[in-house]
Structure formats: C-alpha cells, structure tokens
C-alpha cells in the first residue's frame, strides 16, 4: 500500500479474497474484495475496514482497482505487486464465470 504524500511503501501479500460481485449497469461490474492477508503483512494502522473495489467491464476486463476504507475511497493506492495479485484472482475461471453469469441475458 502506498499512502498519498508519503515515500514509504507497505507491500501486502494476500492469502485469500472474499468477493462480492454485482452488476452495476449495462457497462460495469463491481467486485468488492475483502482480503485476508498472509501473516507478516499488516494492514496500515489508520485503515478501519479495508476492502478493495475492482471495477470491470461486462467481459471481466479490469478497468480500475480502488482501495477502500469503510466502503469509501481512501488515501492509499495499491502497489504494482498488489495489483498483480488482485488481477490474478479476478482472472481465475470461477470469477470470470461468475461475471459472465451476471452479464448474460
């Protein structure tokens, strides 16, 4: 995690994600991830209820990854490595199938 305005980086290693997948409209699918972290990679102390909003197109392509605190945008951004972990999770067959099931007529 990178906090805006600071030079320090905390690299989170995700063990598991608990997704909530919802179709927003005719263009977007929202996926809220509640991550479980590997030990040794603590969430920054100033985050109360950490989650990650992943916005995808209807075909499952990731458009944006937004760290959130208490379901609102926060002053953190994900590192490249964290984004890669999230991308790998979203691209798994069972997640892509869940997205497809939401978007099929």
Protein backbone atom coordinates (compact mmCIF):
# COMPACT_ATOMS: atom_id res chain seq x y z
CA UNK A 1 0.00 0.00 0.00
CA UNK A 2 1.20 3.47 -0.82
CA UNK A 3 -0.23 6.37 1.16
CA UNK A 4 -0.56 9.57 -0.83
CA UNK A 5 2.13 12.07 0.13
CA UNK A 6 4.45 9.54 1.79
CA UNK A 7 7.56 7.79 0.50
CA UNK A 8 7.06 4.59 2.49
CA UNK A 9 5.50 1.50 0.95
CA UNK A 10 3.89 -1.41 2.77
CA UNK A 11 3.75 -4.47 0.50
CA UNK A 12 0.69 -6.59 1.26
CA UNK A 13 0.63 -10.29 0.43
CA UNK A 14 -2.91 -11.55 0.05
CA UNK A 15 -3.73 -15.06 1.20
CA UNK A 16 -7.33 -15.10 0.07
CA UNK A 17 -10.11 -12.83 -1.20
CA UNK A 18 -13.78 -12.91 -0.30
CA UNK A 19 -15.55 -11.38 -3.32
CA UNK A 20 -18.96 -9.79 -3.70
CA UNK A 21 -19.75 -9.46 -7.40
CA UNK A 22 -22.55 -7.17 -8.61
CA UNK A 23 -23.54 -5.83 -11.97
CA UNK A 24 -23.76 -2.05 -11.70
CA UNK A 25 -25.36 -1.26 -15.09
CA UNK A 26 -25.06 -2.06 -18.80
CA UNK A 27 -21.36 -1.22 -18.77
CA UNK A 28 -19.76 -2.10 -15.41
CA UNK A 29 -19.41 -4.93 -12.91
CA UNK A 30 -18.29 -4.05 -9.38
CA UNK A 31 -16.34 -6.57 -7.35
CA UNK A 32 -15.73 -5.81 -3.69
CA UNK A 33 -12.87 -7.85 -2.27
CA UNK A 34 -12.45 -8.42 1.46
CA UNK A 35 -8.86 -9.66 1.59
CA UNK A 36 -7.26 -11.99 4.08
CA UNK A 37 -3.57 -11.26 4.44
CA UNK A 38 -0.56 -13.50 4.86
CA UNK A 39 0.94 -13.13 8.29
CA UNK A 40 3.69 -10.55 8.47
CA UNK A 41 1.96 -8.09 6.15
CA UNK A 42 -0.25 -5.93 8.37
CA UNK A 43 -2.83 -3.50 7.05
CA UNK A 44 -1.82 0.09 7.83
CA UNK A 45 -2.97 1.12 11.30
CA UNK A 46 -5.13 4.00 10.08
CA UNK A 47 -7.43 1.77 7.99
CA UNK A 48 -10.56 0.66 9.87
CA UNK A 49 -12.41 -1.63 7.44
CA UNK A 50 -10.12 -2.33 4.47
CA UNK A 51 -11.58 -3.57 1.19
CA UNK A 52 -10.77 -3.29 -2.49
CA UNK A 53 -13.22 -2.23 -5.20
CA UNK A 54 -12.41 -3.72 -8.60
CA UNK A 55 -14.36 -2.20 -11.48
CA UNK A 56 -14.61 -4.42 -14.56
CA UNK A 57 -16.26 -4.29 -17.94
CA UNK A 58 -19.03 -6.78 -18.67
CA UNK A 59 -16.47 -9.15 -20.22
CA UNK A 60 -14.41 -9.23 -16.99
CA UNK A 61 -11.64 -6.84 -18.00
CA UNK A 62 -10.32 -4.85 -15.06
CA UNK A 63 -10.65 -1.09 -15.50
CA UNK A 64 -9.79 0.19 -12.04
CA UNK A 65 -8.61 -1.09 -8.66
CA UNK A 66 -9.57 1.16 -5.74
CA UNK A 67 -8.51 0.54 -2.12
CA UNK A 68 -11.28 1.49 0.28
CA UNK A 69 -11.77 2.08 3.97
CA UNK A 70 -15.28 1.65 5.34
CA UNK A 71 -16.53 1.29 1.73
CA UNK A 72 -15.21 4.73 0.68
CA UNK A 73 -12.17 5.75 -1.33
CA UNK A 74 -9.18 6.25 0.94
CA UNK A 75 -5.78 7.90 0.77
CA UNK A 76 -3.99 4.71 -0.25
CA UNK A 77 -3.23 3.15 -3.59
CA UNK A 78 -2.14 -0.39 -4.38
CA UNK A 79 1.41 -1.24 -5.36
CA UNK A 80 2.18 -2.96 -8.65
CA UNK A 81 2.61 -6.30 -6.84
CA UNK A 82 -0.71 -5.93 -5.03
CA UNK A 83 -2.46 -5.11 -8.31
CA UNK A 84 -0.91 -8.21 -9.88
CA UNK A 85 -2.25 -10.39 -7.05
CA UNK A 86 -5.72 -8.88 -7.47
CA UNK A 87 -5.58 -9.27 -11.26
CA UNK A 88 -4.59 -12.94 -10.93
CA UNK A 89 -7.57 -13.54 -8.64
CA UNK A 90 -10.06 -11.75 -10.92
CA UNK A 91 -8.79 -13.66 -13.96
CA UNK A 92 -9.46 -17.07 -12.36
CA UNK A 93 -12.05 -19.15 -14.18
CA UNK A 94 -14.59 -19.23 -11.34
CA UNK A 95 -14.56 -15.40 -11.01
CA UNK A 96 -14.79 -14.89 -14.78
CA UNK A 97 -17.66 -17.38 -14.88
CA UNK A 98 -19.47 -15.51 -12.08
CA UNK A 99 -19.07 -12.26 -14.04
CA UNK A 100 -20.34 -13.92 -17.23
CA UNK A 101 -23.36 -15.31 -15.38
CA UNK A 102 -24.26 -11.80 -14.21
CA UNK A 103 -23.95 -10.29 -17.65
CA UNK A 104 -25.60 -12.93 -19.82
CA UNK A 105 -29.15 -12.21 -20.99
